[in-house]
PDB file of N, CA and C in Angstrom:
ATOM      1  N   VAL A   1     -23.175 -41.703  45.200  1.00  0.00           N
ATOM      2  CA  VAL A   1     -23.837 -42.186  44.008  1.00  0.00           C
ATOM      3  C   VAL A   1     -23.191 -41.506  42.807  1.00  0.00           C
ATOM      4  N   GLN A   2     -22.881 -42.288  41.820  1.00  0.00           N
ATOM      5  CA  GLN A   2     -22.295 -41.755  40.605  1.00  0.00           C
ATOM      6  C   GLN A   2     -23.239 -41.990  39.440  1.00  0.00           C
ATOM      7  N   THR A   3     -23.107 -41.198  38.390  1.00  0.00           N
ATOM      8  CA  THR A   3     -24.013 -41.255  37.249  1.00  0.00           C
ATOM      9  C   THR A   3     -24.185 -42.669  36.730  1.00  0.00           C
ATOM     10  N   GLU A   4     -23.118 -43.422  36.623  1.00  0.00           N
ATOM     11  CA  GLU A   4     -23.217 -44.781  36.079  1.00  0.00           C
ATOM     12  C   GLU A   4     -24.015 -45.736  36.968  1.00  0.00           C
ATOM     13  N   ASN A   5     -24.279 -45.339  38.220  1.00  0.00           N
ATOM     14  CA  ASN A   5     -25.080 -46.161  39.124  1.00  0.00           C
ATOM     15  C   ASN A   5     -26.567 -45.871  39.033  1.00  0.00           C
ATOM     16  N   ILE A   6     -26.956 -44.884  38.244  1.00  0.00           N
ATOM     17  CA  ILE A   6     -28.361 -44.505  38.127  1.00  0.00           C
ATOM     18  C   ILE A   6     -28.886 -44.970  36.781  1.00  0.00           C
ATOM     19  N   LEU A   7     -29.896 -45.814  36.805  1.00  0.00           N
ATOM     20  CA  LEU A   7     -30.493 -46.307  35.573  1.00  0.00           C
ATOM     21  C   LEU A   7     -31.412 -45.249  34.983  1.00  0.00           C
ATOM     22  N   ASN A   8     -31.550 -45.236  33.664  1.00  0.00           N
ATOM     23  CA  ASN A   8     -32.449 -44.287  32.995  1.00  0.00           C
ATOM     24  C   ASN A   8     -33.848 -44.391  33.580  1.00  0.00           C
ATOM     25  N   GLY A   9     -34.433 -43.234  33.898  1.00  0.00           N
ATOM     26  CA  GLY A   9     -35.805 -43.193  34.378  1.00  0.00           C
ATOM     27  C   GLY A   9     -35.995 -43.516  35.842  1.00  0.00           C
ATOM     28  N   THR A  10     -34.908 -43.722  36.585  1.00  0.00           N
ATOM     29  CA  THR A  10     -35.089 -44.073  37.986  1.00  0.00           C
ATOM     30  C   THR A  10     -35.145 -42.865  38.913  1.00  0.00           C
ATOM     31  N   ILE A  11     -34.732 -41.702  38.457  1.00  0.00           N
ATOM     32  CA  ILE A  11     -34.888 -40.469  39.233  1.00  0.00           C
ATOM     33  C   ILE A  11     -36.070 -39.735  38.623  1.00  0.00           C
ATOM     34  N   LEU A  12     -37.120 -39.590  39.378  1.00  0.00           N
ATOM     35  CA  LEU A  12     -38.347 -38.968  38.904  1.00  0.00           C
ATOM     36  C   LEU A  12     -38.540 -37.622  39.579  1.00  0.00           C
ATOM     37  N   THR A  13     -39.380 -36.783  39.003  1.00  0.00           N
ATOM     38  CA  THR A  13     -39.654 -35.461  39.559  1.00  0.00           C
ATOM     39  C   THR A  13     -40.022 -35.540  41.029  1.00  0.00           C
ATOM     40  N   GLU A  14     -40.848 -36.492  41.384  1.00  0.00           N
ATOM     41  CA  GLU A  14     -41.284 -36.601  42.783  1.00  0.00           C
ATOM     42  C   GLU A  14     -40.163 -37.028  43.728  1.00  0.00           C
ATOM     43  N   ASP A  15     -39.017 -37.458  43.202  1.00  0.00           N
ATOM     44  CA  ASP A  15     -37.875 -37.844  44.031  1.00  0.00           C
ATOM     45  C   ASP A  15     -37.036 -36.644  44.468  1.00  0.00           C
ATOM     46  N   ILE A  16     -37.286 -35.476  43.888  1.00  0.00           N
ATOM     47  CA  ILE A  16     -36.482 -34.288  44.166  1.00  0.00           C
ATOM     48  C   ILE A  16     -37.222 -33.403  45.167  1.00  0.00           C
ATOM     49  N   SER A  17     -36.567 -33.072  46.264  1.00  0.00           N
ATOM     50  CA  SER A  17     -37.179 -32.204  47.266  1.00  0.00           C
ATOM     51  C   SER A  17     -37.287 -30.780  46.731  1.00  0.00           C
ATOM     52  N   SER A  18     -38.400 -30.151  46.991  1.00  0.00           N
ATOM     53  CA  SER A  18     -38.633 -28.788  46.526  1.00  0.00           C
ATOM     54  C   SER A  18     -37.759 -27.800  47.281  1.00  0.00           C
ATOM     55  N   GLY A  19     -37.339 -26.765  46.583  1.00  0.00           N
ATOM     56  CA  GLY A  19     -36.615 -25.676  47.220  1.00  0.00           C
ATOM     57  C   GLY A  19     -37.552 -24.586  47.688  1.00  0.00           C
ATOM     58  N   GLY A  20     -38.856 -24.754  47.406  1.00  0.00           N
ATOM     59  CA  GLY A  20     -39.852 -23.762  47.789  1.00  0.00           C
ATOM     60  C   GLY A  20     -40.529 -23.187  46.555  1.00  0.00           C
ATOM     61  N   ASN A  21     -41.531 -22.377  46.789  1.00  0.00           N
ATOM     62  CA  ASN A  21     -42.267 -21.759  45.688  1.00  0.00           C
ATOM     63  C   ASN A  21     -41.378 -20.835  44.879  1.00  0.00           C
ATOM     64  N   ASP A  22     -41.536 -20.896  43.563  1.00  0.00           N
ATOM     65  CA  ASP A  22     -40.818 -20.029  42.622  1.00  0.00           C
ATOM     66  C   ASP A  22     -39.302 -20.158  42.717  1.00  0.00           C
ATOM     67  N   LYS A  23     -38.807 -21.350  43.045  1.00  0.00           N
ATOM     68  CA  LYS A  23     -37.369 -21.607  43.108  1.00  0.00           C
ATOM     69  C   LYS A  23     -36.963 -22.457  41.911  1.00  0.00           C
ATOM     70  N   VAL A  24     -35.729 -22.262  41.461  1.00  0.00           N
ATOM     71  CA  VAL A  24     -35.182 -22.974  40.319  1.00  0.00           C
ATOM     72  C   VAL A  24     -33.872 -23.619  40.744  1.00  0.00           C
ATOM     73  N   LEU A  25     -33.674 -24.875  40.369  1.00  0.00           N
ATOM     74  CA  LEU A  25     -32.447 -25.579  40.703  1.00  0.00           C
ATOM     75  C   LEU A  25     -31.386 -25.241  39.667  1.00  0.00           C
ATOM     76  N   VAL A  26     -30.243 -24.715  40.127  1.00  0.00           N
ATOM     77  CA  VAL A  26     -29.163 -24.284  39.235  1.00  0.00           C
ATOM     78  C   VAL A  26     -27.829 -24.804  39.758  1.00  0.00           C
ATOM     79  N   THR A  27     -26.798 -24.638  38.942  1.00  0.00           N
ATOM     80  CA  THR A  27     -25.432 -24.883  39.396  1.00  0.00           C
ATOM     81  C   THR A  27     -24.617 -23.629  39.146  1.00  0.00           C
ATOM     82  N   ASP A  28     -23.581 -23.445  39.962  1.00  0.00           N
ATOM     83  CA  ASP A  28     -22.712 -22.292  39.761  1.00  0.00           C
ATOM     84  C   ASP A  28     -21.534 -22.688  38.873  1.00  0.00           C
ATOM     85  N   ALA A  29     -20.547 -21.821  38.758  1.00  0.00           N
ATOM     86  CA  ALA A  29     -19.421 -22.032  37.856  1.00  0.00           C
ATOM     87  C   ALA A  29     -18.576 -23.266  38.196  1.00  0.00           C
ATOM     88  N   VAL A  30     -18.630 -23.710  39.443  1.00  0.00           N
ATOM     89  CA  VAL A  30     -17.857 -24.897  39.829  1.00  0.00           C
ATOM     90  C   VAL A  30     -18.735 -26.133  40.004  1.00  0.00           C
ATOM     91  N   GLY A  31     -20.040 -26.009  39.683  1.00  0.00           N
ATOM     92  CA  GLY A  31     -20.933 -27.157  39.725  1.00  0.00           C
ATOM     93  C   GLY A  31     -21.692 -27.350  41.018  1.00  0.00           C
ATOM     94  N   THR A  32     -21.598 -26.407  41.950  1.00  0.00           N
ATOM     95  CA  THR A  32     -22.352 -26.511  43.195  1.00  0.00           C
ATOM     96  C   THR A  32     -23.832 -26.284  42.897  1.00  0.00           C
ATOM     97  N   VAL A  33     -24.681 -27.189  43.361  1.00  0.00           N
ATOM     98  CA  VAL A  33     -26.114 -27.122  43.112  1.00  0.00           C
ATOM     99  C   VAL A  33     -26.785 -26.264  44.182  1.00  0.00           C
ATOM    100  N   ALA A  34     -27.706 -25.402  43.756  1.00  0.00           N
ATOM    101  CA  ALA A  34     -28.413 -24.537  44.698  1.00  0.00           C
ATOM    102  C   ALA A  34     -29.791 -24.184  44.154  1.00  0.00           C
ATOM    103  N   TRP A  35     -30.724 -23.922  45.058  1.00  0.00           N
ATOM    104  CA  TRP A  35     -32.034 -23.401  44.685  1.00  0.00           C
ATOM    105  C   TRP A  35     -31.947 -21.888  44.708  1.00  0.00           C
ATOM    106  N   VAL A  36     -32.421 -21.213  43.658  1.00  0.00           N
ATOM    107  CA  VAL A  36     -32.456 -19.748  43.633  1.00  0.00           C
ATOM    108  C   VAL A  36     -33.860 -19.290  43.275  1.00  0.00           C
ATOM    109  N   ASP A  37     -34.201 -18.093  43.703  1.00  0.00           N
ATOM    110  CA  ASP A  37     -35.504 -17.535  43.388  1.00  0.00           C
ATOM    111  C   ASP A  37     -35.543 -17.158  41.910  1.00  0.00           C
ATOM    112  N   LYS A  38     -36.614 -17.520  41.222  1.00  0.00           N
ATOM    113  CA  LYS A  38     -36.688 -17.254  39.777  1.00  0.00           C
ATOM    114  C   LYS A  38     -36.642 -15.777  39.450  1.00  0.00           C
ATOM    115  N   SER A  39     -36.986 -14.907  40.404  1.00  0.00           N
ATOM    116  CA  SER A  39     -36.925 -13.470  40.137  1.00  0.00           C
ATOM    117  C   SER A  39     -35.488 -13.001  39.936  1.00  0.00           C
ATOM    118  N   SER A  40     -34.500 -13.773  40.403  1.00  0.00           N
ATOM    119  CA  SER A  40     -33.101 -13.376  40.220  1.00  0.00           C
ATOM    120  C   SER A  40     -32.679 -13.487  38.758  1.00  0.00           C
ATOM    121  N   PHE A  41     -33.486 -14.135  37.934  1.00  0.00           N
ATOM    122  CA  PHE A  41     -33.163 -14.240  36.514  1.00  0.00           C
ATOM    123  C   PHE A  41     -33.443 -12.954  35.761  1.00  0.00           C
ATOM    124  N   ASP A  42     -34.117 -11.990  36.377  1.00  0.00           N
ATOM    125  CA  ASP A  42     -34.381 -10.716  35.713  1.00  0.00           C
ATOM    126  C   ASP A  42     -33.093 -10.072  35.223  1.00  0.00           C
ATOM    127  N   ALA A  43     -32.018 -10.232  35.990  1.00  0.00           N
ATOM    128  CA  ALA A  43     -30.741  -9.642  35.605  1.00  0.00           C
ATOM    129  C   ALA A  43     -30.117 -10.376  34.424  1.00  0.00           C
ATOM    130  N   ILE A  44     -30.504 -11.617  34.198  1.00  0.00           N
ATOM    131  CA  ILE A  44     -29.953 -12.418  33.104  1.00  0.00           C
ATOM    132  C   ILE A  44     -30.605 -12.050  31.783  1.00  0.00           C
ATOM    133  N   ALA A  45     -31.918 -11.943  31.770  1.00  0.00           N
ATOM    134  CA  ALA A  45     -32.651 -11.659  30.535  1.00  0.00           C
ATOM    135  C   ALA A  45     -32.730 -10.155  30.329  1.00  0.00           C
ATOM    136  N   ASP A  46     -31.837  -9.645  29.496  1.00  0.00           N
ATOM    137  CA  ASP A  46     -31.822  -8.202  29.250  1.00  0.00           C
ATOM    138  C   ASP A  46     -32.855  -7.770  28.209  1.00  0.00           C
ATOM    139  N   GLN A  47     -33.595  -8.734  27.672  1.00  0.00           N
ATOM    140  CA  GLN A  47     -34.632  -8.518  26.655  1.00  0.00           C
ATOM    141  C   GLN A  47     -34.061  -7.982  25.345  1.00  0.00           C
ATOM    142  N   VAL A  48     -32.744  -8.077  25.184  1.00  0.00           N
ATOM    143  CA  VAL A  48     -32.099  -7.737  23.920  1.00  0.00           C
ATOM    144  C   VAL A  48     -31.337  -8.971  23.436  1.00  0.00           C
ATOM    145  N   THR A  49     -30.325  -9.385  24.213  1.00  0.00           N
ATOM    146  CA  THR A  49     -29.556 -10.583  23.890  1.00  0.00           C
ATOM    147  C   THR A  49     -30.344 -11.823  24.290  1.00  0.00           C
ATOM    148  N   ILE A  50     -30.829 -11.831  25.519  1.00  0.00           N
ATOM    149  CA  ILE A  50     -31.643 -12.928  26.040  1.00  0.00           C
ATOM    150  C   ILE A  50     -33.026 -12.365  26.323  1.00  0.00           C
ATOM    151  N   THR A  51     -34.032 -13.009  25.751  1.00  0.00           N
ATOM    152  CA  THR A  51     -35.406 -12.538  25.914  1.00  0.00           C
ATOM    153  C   THR A  51     -36.236 -13.594  26.622  1.00  0.00           C
ATOM    154  N   GLY A  52     -37.425 -13.206  27.050  1.00  0.00           N
ATOM    155  CA  GLY A  52     -38.341 -14.114  27.726  1.00  0.00           C
ATOM    156  C   GLY A  52     -38.336 -13.892  29.220  1.00  0.00           C
ATOM    157  N   VAL A  53     -39.335 -14.498  29.888  1.00  0.00           N
ATOM    158  CA  VAL A  53     -39.422 -14.372  31.345  1.00  0.00           C
ATOM    159  C   VAL A  53     -39.106 -15.675  32.057  1.00  0.00           C
ATOM    160  N   GLY A  54     -38.745 -16.711  31.305  1.00  0.00           N
ATOM    161  CA  GLY A  54     -38.338 -17.971  31.915  1.00  0.00           C
ATOM    162  C   GLY A  54     -39.476 -18.883  32.308  1.00  0.00           C
ATOM    163  N   THR A  55     -40.628 -18.720  31.674  1.00  0.00           N
ATOM    164  CA  THR A  55     -41.763 -19.598  31.941  1.00  0.00           C
ATOM    165  C   THR A  55     -41.964 -20.538  30.762  1.00  0.00           C
ATOM    166  N   ALA A  56     -42.841 -21.521  30.925  1.00  0.00           N
ATOM    167  CA  ALA A  56     -43.149 -22.434  29.827  1.00  0.00           C
ATOM    168  C   ALA A  56     -43.756 -21.686  28.646  1.00  0.00           C
ATOM    169  N   LEU A  57     -44.558 -20.671  28.933  1.00  0.00           N
ATOM    170  CA  LEU A  57     -45.189 -19.900  27.855  1.00  0.00           C
ATOM    171  C   LEU A  57     -44.243 -18.888  27.215  1.00  0.00           C
ATOM    172  N   ASP A  58     -43.240 -18.431  27.966  1.00  0.00           N
ATOM    173  CA  ASP A  58     -42.291 -17.441  27.461  1.00  0.00           C
ATOM    174  C   ASP A  58     -40.890 -17.785  27.964  1.00  0.00           C
ATOM    175  N   PRO A  59     -40.292 -18.861  27.415  1.00  0.00           N
ATOM    176  CA  PRO A  59     -38.985 -19.308  27.912  1.00  0.00           C
ATOM    177  C   PRO A  59     -37.871 -18.336  27.535  1.00  0.00           C
ATOM    178  N   PHE A  60     -36.750 -18.436  28.269  1.00  0.00           N
ATOM    179  CA  PHE A  60     -35.580 -17.649  27.908  1.00  0.00           C
ATOM    180  C   PHE A  60     -35.090 -18.103  26.538  1.00  0.00           C
ATOM    181  N   LYS A  61     -34.693 -17.151  25.695  1.00  0.00           N
ATOM    182  CA  LYS A  61     -34.155 -17.451  24.375  1.00  0.00           C
ATOM    183  C   LYS A  61     -32.992 -16.509  24.093  1.00  0.00           C
ATOM    184  N   VAL A  62     -31.968 -17.044  23.435  1.00  0.00           N
ATOM    185  CA  VAL A  62     -30.891 -16.204  22.948  1.00  0.00           C
ATOM    186  C   VAL A  62     -31.291 -15.779  21.545  1.00  0.00           C
ATOM    187  N   GLU A  63     -31.384 -14.488  21.338  1.00  0.00           N
ATOM    188  CA  GLU A  63     -31.819 -13.956  20.052  1.00  0.00           C
ATOM    189  C   GLU A  63     -30.755 -14.183  18.986  1.00  0.00           C
ATOM    190  N   ASP A  64     -31.194 -14.457  17.762  1.00  0.00           N
ATOM    191  CA  ASP A  64     -30.288 -14.664  16.636  1.00  0.00           C
ATOM    192  C   ASP A  64     -29.337 -13.486  16.483  1.00  0.00           C
ATOM    193  N   LEU A  65     -28.071 -13.799  16.293  1.00  0.00           N
ATOM    194  CA  LEU A  65     -27.013 -12.808  16.039  1.00  0.00           C
ATOM    195  C   LEU A  65     -26.816 -11.813  17.175  1.00  0.00           C
ATOM    196  N   SER A  66     -27.293 -12.143  18.380  1.00  0.00           N
ATOM    197  CA  SER A  66     -27.171 -11.194  19.487  1.00  0.00           C
ATOM    198  C   SER A  66     -25.899 -11.366  20.300  1.00  0.00           C
ATOM    199  N   ILE A  67     -25.235 -12.513  20.193  1.00  0.00           N
ATOM    200  CA  ILE A  67     -23.984 -12.690  20.923  1.00  0.00           C
ATOM    201  C   ILE A  67     -22.848 -12.432  19.939  1.00  0.00           C
ATOM    202  N   VAL A  68     -22.120 -11.364  20.202  1.00  0.00           N
ATOM    203  CA  VAL A  68     -21.030 -10.946  19.331  1.00  0.00           C
ATOM    204  C   VAL A  68     -19.720 -10.997  20.121  1.00  0.00           C
ATOM    205  N   THR A  69     -18.637 -10.926  19.420  1.00  0.00           N
ATOM    206  CA  THR A  69     -17.301 -11.046  20.037  1.00  0.00           C
ATOM    207  C   THR A  69     -17.131 -10.125  21.235  1.00  0.00           C
ATOM    208  N   ALA A  70     -17.626  -8.905  21.157  1.00  0.00           N
ATOM    209  CA  ALA A  70     -17.443  -7.935  22.239  1.00  0.00           C
ATOM    210  C   ALA A  70     -18.122  -8.383  23.533  1.00  0.00           C
ATOM    211  N   LYS A  71     -19.087  -9.298  23.452  1.00  0.00           N
ATOM    212  CA  LYS A  71     -19.794  -9.761  24.649  1.00  0.00           C
ATOM    213  C   LYS A  71     -19.159 -10.995  25.285  1.00  0.00           C
ATOM    214  N   LEU A  72     -18.098 -11.525  24.680  1.00  0.00           N
ATOM    215  CA  LEU A  72     -17.456 -12.729  25.184  1.00  0.00           C
ATOM    216  C   LEU A  72     -16.174 -12.392  25.940  1.00  0.00           C
ATOM    217  N   ALA A  73     -15.959 -13.095  27.038  1.00  0.00           N
ATOM    218  CA  ALA A  73     -14.726 -12.915  27.818  1.00  0.00           C
ATOM    219  C   ALA A  73     -13.580 -13.616  27.091  1.00  0.00           C
ATOM    220  N   ASP A  74     -12.339 -13.219  27.421  1.00  0.00           N
ATOM    221  CA  ASP A  74     -11.171 -13.877  26.840  1.00  0.00           C
ATOM    222  C   ASP A  74     -11.241 -15.370  27.084  1.00  0.00           C
ATOM    223  N   GLY A  75     -10.992 -16.156  26.064  1.00  0.00           N
ATOM    224  CA  GLY A  75     -10.960 -17.610  26.193  1.00  0.00           C
ATOM    225  C   GLY A  75     -12.318 -18.260  26.257  1.00  0.00           C
ATOM    226  N   ALA A  76     -13.398 -17.494  26.029  1.00  0.00           N
ATOM    227  CA  ALA A  76     -14.753 -18.068  26.108  1.00  0.00           C
ATOM    228  C   ALA A  76     -15.021 -18.988  24.936  1.00  0.00           C
TER     229      ALA A  76
END
């Protein structure tokens, strides 16, 4: 199935199989899709550059002016 074969609104939440409680669907650097435990995001949100706990009430946010040149890899 390719993107152009899917009509808008035809894939619904109930069409996606759950990865289990407290799991989040992500992709890696090459686009491989995987379910990961949401607790693994603790390492991502340092509460300085990225804040929040990743919930609807407290979503992850990149703080204003927190990403500076020194934090970027070559060619980023």
